[in-house]
N, C-alpha and C. Protein backbone atom coordinates (compact mmCIF):
# COMPACT_ATOMS: atom_id res chain seq x y z
N MET A 1 -32.73 37.70 47.70
CA MET A 1 -33.31 36.40 47.94
C MET A 1 -33.66 36.29 49.42
N SER A 2 -34.86 35.86 49.67
CA SER A 2 -35.30 35.79 51.05
C SER A 2 -35.38 34.36 51.58
N ILE A 3 -34.87 33.39 50.83
CA ILE A 3 -34.90 32.03 51.34
C ILE A 3 -33.83 31.86 52.41
N PRO A 4 -34.04 30.93 53.35
CA PRO A 4 -33.05 30.71 54.41
C PRO A 4 -31.69 30.34 53.83
N ILE A 5 -30.66 30.74 54.53
CA ILE A 5 -29.30 30.49 54.04
C ILE A 5 -29.02 28.99 53.90
N GLU A 6 -29.64 28.17 54.75
CA GLU A 6 -29.46 26.72 54.62
C GLU A 6 -29.92 26.23 53.26
N GLU A 7 -31.04 26.78 52.78
CA GLU A 7 -31.58 26.40 51.48
C GLU A 7 -30.69 26.94 50.36
N VAL A 8 -30.17 28.14 50.51
CA VAL A 8 -29.24 28.70 49.54
C VAL A 8 -28.06 27.76 49.37
N VAL A 9 -27.48 27.34 50.49
CA VAL A 9 -26.31 26.46 50.45
C VAL A 9 -26.66 25.12 49.82
N LYS A 10 -27.82 24.56 50.16
CA LYS A 10 -28.23 23.28 49.57
C LYS A 10 -28.37 23.39 48.06
N GLU A 11 -29.02 24.45 47.60
CA GLU A 11 -29.20 24.62 46.16
C GLU A 11 -27.87 24.83 45.45
N LEU A 12 -27.01 25.64 46.04
CA LEU A 12 -25.68 25.86 45.45
C LEU A 12 -24.88 24.57 45.40
N THR A 13 -24.95 23.79 46.47
CA THR A 13 -24.21 22.53 46.52
C THR A 13 -24.68 21.57 45.45
N GLU A 14 -26.00 21.50 45.26
CA GLU A 14 -26.54 20.63 44.21
C GLU A 14 -26.10 21.09 42.83
N LEU A 15 -26.00 22.38 42.64
CA LEU A 15 -25.68 22.93 41.33
C LEU A 15 -24.17 22.99 41.05
N LEU A 16 -23.41 23.49 42.02
CA LEU A 16 -21.98 23.74 41.80
C LEU A 16 -21.06 22.72 42.46
N GLY A 17 -21.56 21.99 43.44
CA GLY A 17 -20.73 21.05 44.19
C GLY A 17 -20.19 21.68 45.45
N SER A 18 -19.94 20.86 46.45
CA SER A 18 -19.53 21.37 47.76
C SER A 18 -18.15 22.01 47.75
N LYS A 19 -17.24 21.54 46.89
CA LYS A 19 -15.90 22.16 46.83
C LYS A 19 -15.98 23.60 46.33
N THR A 20 -16.78 23.82 45.32
CA THR A 20 -16.93 25.18 44.79
C THR A 20 -17.63 26.07 45.79
N VAL A 21 -18.66 25.56 46.46
CA VAL A 21 -19.37 26.35 47.47
C VAL A 21 -18.43 26.69 48.62
N ALA A 22 -17.61 25.75 49.03
CA ALA A 22 -16.64 26.02 50.09
C ALA A 22 -15.67 27.11 49.66
N MET A 23 -15.16 27.00 48.44
CA MET A 23 -14.22 28.00 47.95
C MET A 23 -14.85 29.38 47.92
N ILE A 24 -16.04 29.50 47.33
CA ILE A 24 -16.71 30.79 47.24
C ILE A 24 -17.07 31.31 48.63
N GLY A 25 -17.42 30.39 49.51
CA GLY A 25 -17.77 30.77 50.88
C GLY A 25 -16.58 31.12 51.76
N GLY A 26 -15.38 30.93 51.23
CA GLY A 26 -14.19 31.35 51.96
C GLY A 26 -13.66 30.35 52.98
N VAL A 27 -13.99 29.07 52.78
CA VAL A 27 -13.48 28.05 53.69
C VAL A 27 -12.71 26.99 52.91
N GLY A 28 -11.86 26.27 53.60
CA GLY A 28 -11.03 25.28 52.95
C GLY A 28 -11.57 23.87 52.97
N GLU A 29 -12.64 23.65 53.73
CA GLU A 29 -13.15 22.28 53.86
C GLU A 29 -14.63 22.22 53.53
N THR A 30 -15.01 21.13 52.88
CA THR A 30 -16.42 20.94 52.55
C THR A 30 -17.24 20.61 53.79
N ARG A 31 -16.59 20.23 54.86
CA ARG A 31 -17.30 19.96 56.11
C ARG A 31 -18.07 21.20 56.57
N ALA A 32 -17.49 22.38 56.36
CA ALA A 32 -18.17 23.62 56.73
C ALA A 32 -19.45 23.80 55.93
N VAL A 33 -19.42 23.42 54.66
CA VAL A 33 -20.61 23.54 53.82
C VAL A 33 -21.73 22.67 54.38
N ALA A 34 -21.40 21.46 54.78
CA ALA A 34 -22.41 20.58 55.40
C ALA A 34 -22.96 21.21 56.68
N GLN A 35 -22.11 21.85 57.44
CA GLN A 35 -22.57 22.51 58.67
C GLN A 35 -23.48 23.69 58.37
N TRP A 36 -23.25 24.37 57.27
CA TRP A 36 -24.10 25.49 56.89
C TRP A 36 -25.52 25.03 56.57
N THR A 37 -25.67 23.81 56.11
CA THR A 37 -27.00 23.29 55.82
C THR A 37 -27.69 22.78 57.08
N SER A 38 -26.96 22.76 58.19
CA SER A 38 -27.50 22.27 59.46
C SER A 38 -27.63 23.36 60.51
N GLY A 39 -27.60 24.61 60.09
CA GLY A 39 -27.84 25.69 61.03
C GLY A 39 -26.68 26.59 61.35
N ARG A 40 -25.46 26.18 61.05
CA ARG A 40 -24.31 27.05 61.28
C ARG A 40 -24.30 28.15 60.22
N LEU A 41 -24.10 29.37 60.62
CA LEU A 41 -24.11 30.48 59.67
C LEU A 41 -22.77 30.60 58.96
N PRO A 42 -22.81 30.74 57.63
CA PRO A 42 -21.56 30.95 56.88
C PRO A 42 -21.02 32.35 57.14
N GLN A 43 -19.73 32.51 56.92
CA GLN A 43 -19.09 33.80 57.12
C GLN A 43 -19.49 34.81 56.05
N ARG A 44 -19.85 34.33 54.88
CA ARG A 44 -20.12 35.21 53.75
C ARG A 44 -21.49 34.91 53.12
N PRO A 45 -22.56 35.05 53.89
CA PRO A 45 -23.88 34.68 53.36
C PRO A 45 -24.30 35.52 52.15
N ASN A 46 -23.92 36.78 52.11
CA ASN A 46 -24.32 37.62 50.98
C ASN A 46 -23.65 37.16 49.69
N VAL A 47 -22.42 36.70 49.79
CA VAL A 47 -21.72 36.19 48.61
C VAL A 47 -22.42 34.91 48.12
N LEU A 48 -22.81 34.06 49.04
CA LEU A 48 -23.49 32.82 48.66
C LEU A 48 -24.86 33.12 48.04
N ARG A 49 -25.59 34.06 48.59
CA ARG A 49 -26.89 34.43 48.02
C ARG A 49 -26.71 35.00 46.61
N PHE A 50 -25.73 35.86 46.44
CA PHE A 50 -25.47 36.44 45.13
C PHE A 50 -25.06 35.34 44.14
N THR A 51 -24.23 34.42 44.58
CA THR A 51 -23.81 33.31 43.72
C THR A 51 -25.01 32.51 43.25
N LEU A 52 -25.95 32.24 44.15
CA LEU A 52 -27.15 31.50 43.76
C LEU A 52 -27.97 32.31 42.75
N GLN A 53 -28.06 33.58 42.95
CA GLN A 53 -28.79 34.44 42.02
C GLN A 53 -28.18 34.36 40.62
N VAL A 54 -26.87 34.46 40.54
CA VAL A 54 -26.18 34.39 39.25
C VAL A 54 -26.33 33.00 38.64
N ALA A 55 -26.14 31.97 39.45
CA ALA A 55 -26.24 30.60 38.95
C ALA A 55 -27.64 30.30 38.43
N THR A 56 -28.65 30.78 39.12
CA THR A 56 -30.04 30.56 38.71
C THR A 56 -30.32 31.27 37.39
N MET A 57 -29.80 32.47 37.24
CA MET A 57 -30.00 33.21 35.99
C MET A 57 -29.38 32.45 34.82
N ILE A 58 -28.16 31.96 34.99
CA ILE A 58 -27.51 31.21 33.91
C ILE A 58 -28.24 29.89 33.66
N LEU A 59 -28.68 29.25 34.74
CA LEU A 59 -29.39 27.97 34.62
C LEU A 59 -30.69 28.12 33.84
N SER A 60 -31.30 29.27 33.90
CA SER A 60 -32.55 29.47 33.16
C SER A 60 -32.33 29.40 31.65
N ALA A 61 -31.09 29.59 31.21
CA ALA A 61 -30.78 29.56 29.78
C ALA A 61 -29.87 28.40 29.39
N ARG A 62 -29.22 27.78 30.35
CA ARG A 62 -28.23 26.74 30.06
C ARG A 62 -28.43 25.54 30.99
N ASP A 63 -27.70 24.47 30.73
CA ASP A 63 -27.80 23.30 31.61
C ASP A 63 -26.79 23.39 32.76
N PRO A 64 -26.96 22.57 33.80
CA PRO A 64 -26.10 22.66 34.99
C PRO A 64 -24.61 22.53 34.72
N ASP A 65 -24.23 21.69 33.75
CA ASP A 65 -22.81 21.55 33.44
C ASP A 65 -22.22 22.86 32.93
N VAL A 66 -22.99 23.59 32.16
CA VAL A 66 -22.54 24.87 31.63
C VAL A 66 -22.43 25.90 32.76
N VAL A 67 -23.35 25.85 33.70
CA VAL A 67 -23.30 26.76 34.84
C VAL A 67 -22.01 26.53 35.63
N ARG A 68 -21.71 25.26 35.92
CA ARG A 68 -20.47 24.94 36.64
C ARG A 68 -19.25 25.42 35.86
N ALA A 69 -19.25 25.19 34.57
CA ALA A 69 -18.11 25.62 33.74
C ALA A 69 -17.98 27.14 33.74
N TRP A 70 -19.09 27.86 33.73
CA TRP A 70 -19.04 29.32 33.73
C TRP A 70 -18.34 29.84 34.99
N PHE A 71 -18.65 29.25 36.12
CA PHE A 71 -18.05 29.71 37.37
C PHE A 71 -16.55 29.39 37.45
N HIS A 72 -16.10 28.39 36.72
CA HIS A 72 -14.69 27.98 36.80
C HIS A 72 -13.85 28.40 35.61
N GLY A 73 -14.48 28.97 34.60
CA GLY A 73 -13.74 29.31 33.39
C GLY A 73 -13.30 30.77 33.35
N SER A 74 -12.24 31.00 32.63
CA SER A 74 -11.76 32.35 32.39
C SER A 74 -12.82 33.08 31.57
N ASN A 75 -13.17 34.30 31.97
CA ASN A 75 -14.28 35.00 31.35
C ASN A 75 -13.80 36.29 30.69
N PRO A 76 -13.99 36.43 29.38
CA PRO A 76 -13.51 37.64 28.69
C PRO A 76 -14.22 38.91 29.18
N HIS A 77 -15.44 38.78 29.69
CA HIS A 77 -16.18 39.95 30.18
C HIS A 77 -15.74 40.34 31.60
N LEU A 78 -14.89 39.53 32.17
CA LEU A 78 -14.31 39.81 33.50
C LEU A 78 -12.79 39.98 33.37
N ARG A 79 -12.36 40.43 32.23
CA ARG A 79 -10.93 40.61 31.94
C ARG A 79 -10.15 39.31 32.14
N ASP A 80 -10.75 38.23 31.64
CA ASP A 80 -10.19 36.88 31.69
C ASP A 80 -9.97 36.35 33.10
N ARG A 81 -10.70 36.89 34.04
CA ARG A 81 -10.65 36.35 35.41
C ARG A 81 -11.75 35.30 35.57
N VAL A 82 -11.63 34.48 36.60
CA VAL A 82 -12.53 33.37 36.86
C VAL A 82 -13.57 33.79 37.90
N PRO A 83 -14.88 33.68 37.58
CA PRO A 83 -15.90 34.14 38.52
C PRO A 83 -15.80 33.56 39.93
N ALA A 84 -15.58 32.26 40.05
CA ALA A 84 -15.50 31.66 41.39
C ALA A 84 -14.34 32.22 42.19
N VAL A 85 -13.23 32.48 41.53
CA VAL A 85 -12.06 33.04 42.22
C VAL A 85 -12.33 34.49 42.63
N LEU A 86 -12.98 35.24 41.76
CA LEU A 86 -13.35 36.61 42.13
C LEU A 86 -14.27 36.62 43.34
N LEU A 87 -15.26 35.73 43.34
CA LEU A 87 -16.20 35.67 44.46
C LEU A 87 -15.49 35.28 45.76
N ARG A 88 -14.46 34.46 45.65
CA ARG A 88 -13.71 34.06 46.84
C ARG A 88 -12.81 35.18 47.34
N ASN A 89 -12.15 35.88 46.44
CA ASN A 89 -11.06 36.77 46.82
C ASN A 89 -11.41 38.25 46.93
N GLU A 90 -12.46 38.67 46.28
CA GLU A 90 -12.75 40.10 46.20
C GLU A 90 -13.99 40.46 47.02
N SER A 91 -14.09 41.71 47.35
CA SER A 91 -15.26 42.24 48.03
C SER A 91 -16.46 42.18 47.08
N LEU A 92 -17.57 41.71 47.58
CA LEU A 92 -18.77 41.62 46.75
C LEU A 92 -19.17 42.98 46.20
N VAL A 93 -19.02 43.99 46.98
CA VAL A 93 -19.37 45.35 46.55
C VAL A 93 -18.57 45.74 45.31
N GLU A 94 -17.33 45.32 45.25
CA GLU A 94 -16.45 45.70 44.14
C GLU A 94 -16.69 44.91 42.86
N ILE A 95 -17.18 43.68 42.98
CA ILE A 95 -17.29 42.82 41.79
C ILE A 95 -18.71 42.46 41.40
N GLN A 96 -19.67 42.78 42.23
CA GLN A 96 -21.05 42.35 42.00
C GLN A 96 -21.59 42.79 40.64
N ALA A 97 -21.48 44.05 40.33
CA ALA A 97 -22.03 44.56 39.07
C ALA A 97 -21.34 43.93 37.87
N GLU A 98 -20.03 43.78 37.96
CA GLU A 98 -19.25 43.22 36.86
C GLU A 98 -19.62 41.75 36.60
N ILE A 99 -19.76 40.99 37.68
CA ILE A 99 -20.13 39.57 37.52
C ILE A 99 -21.55 39.45 36.99
N MET A 100 -22.46 40.26 37.50
CA MET A 100 -23.84 40.20 37.03
C MET A 100 -23.92 40.54 35.55
N ALA A 101 -23.19 41.55 35.12
CA ALA A 101 -23.19 41.93 33.70
C ALA A 101 -22.64 40.80 32.83
N ALA A 102 -21.56 40.17 33.28
CA ALA A 102 -20.97 39.05 32.52
C ALA A 102 -21.95 37.87 32.45
N ALA A 103 -22.64 37.60 33.54
CA ALA A 103 -23.61 36.50 33.55
C ALA A 103 -24.80 36.81 32.64
N ARG A 104 -25.26 38.04 32.64
CA ARG A 104 -26.37 38.42 31.76
C ARG A 104 -25.99 38.25 30.29
N ILE A 105 -24.79 38.68 29.95
CA ILE A 105 -24.32 38.53 28.57
C ILE A 105 -24.29 37.05 28.19
N PHE A 106 -23.75 36.24 29.08
CA PHE A 106 -23.63 34.81 28.80
C PHE A 106 -25.00 34.15 28.68
N ALA A 107 -25.91 34.47 29.60
CA ALA A 107 -27.23 33.85 29.60
C ALA A 107 -28.06 34.27 28.39
N SER A 108 -27.78 35.43 27.83
CA SER A 108 -28.58 35.91 26.71
C SER A 108 -28.13 35.36 25.36
N ARG A 109 -27.02 34.68 25.30
CA ARG A 109 -26.52 34.14 24.03
C ARG A 109 -27.27 32.90 23.63
């Protein structure tokens, strides 16, 4: 995705909410999310860009409430782990393919 990170954060916030964006972005306060939309660079921009990519893919097949639930729910295709927690705690390199595969399966149903 080549859109500015400020726009990525705005779109994610509208879709997932600032608490979820803060969690995935690796911060404890939503104030940081607001700062990211005003020019401050997030610590994990690649994770946020990937999250928007996954969220957009699911949104193309489902409504926003389902997208939010997917990120917070236990996922059988991720060995019953929660996507938002994986994005917060794990290296993107290690989980990217697994999360994308789980999202594709979900979006195709």
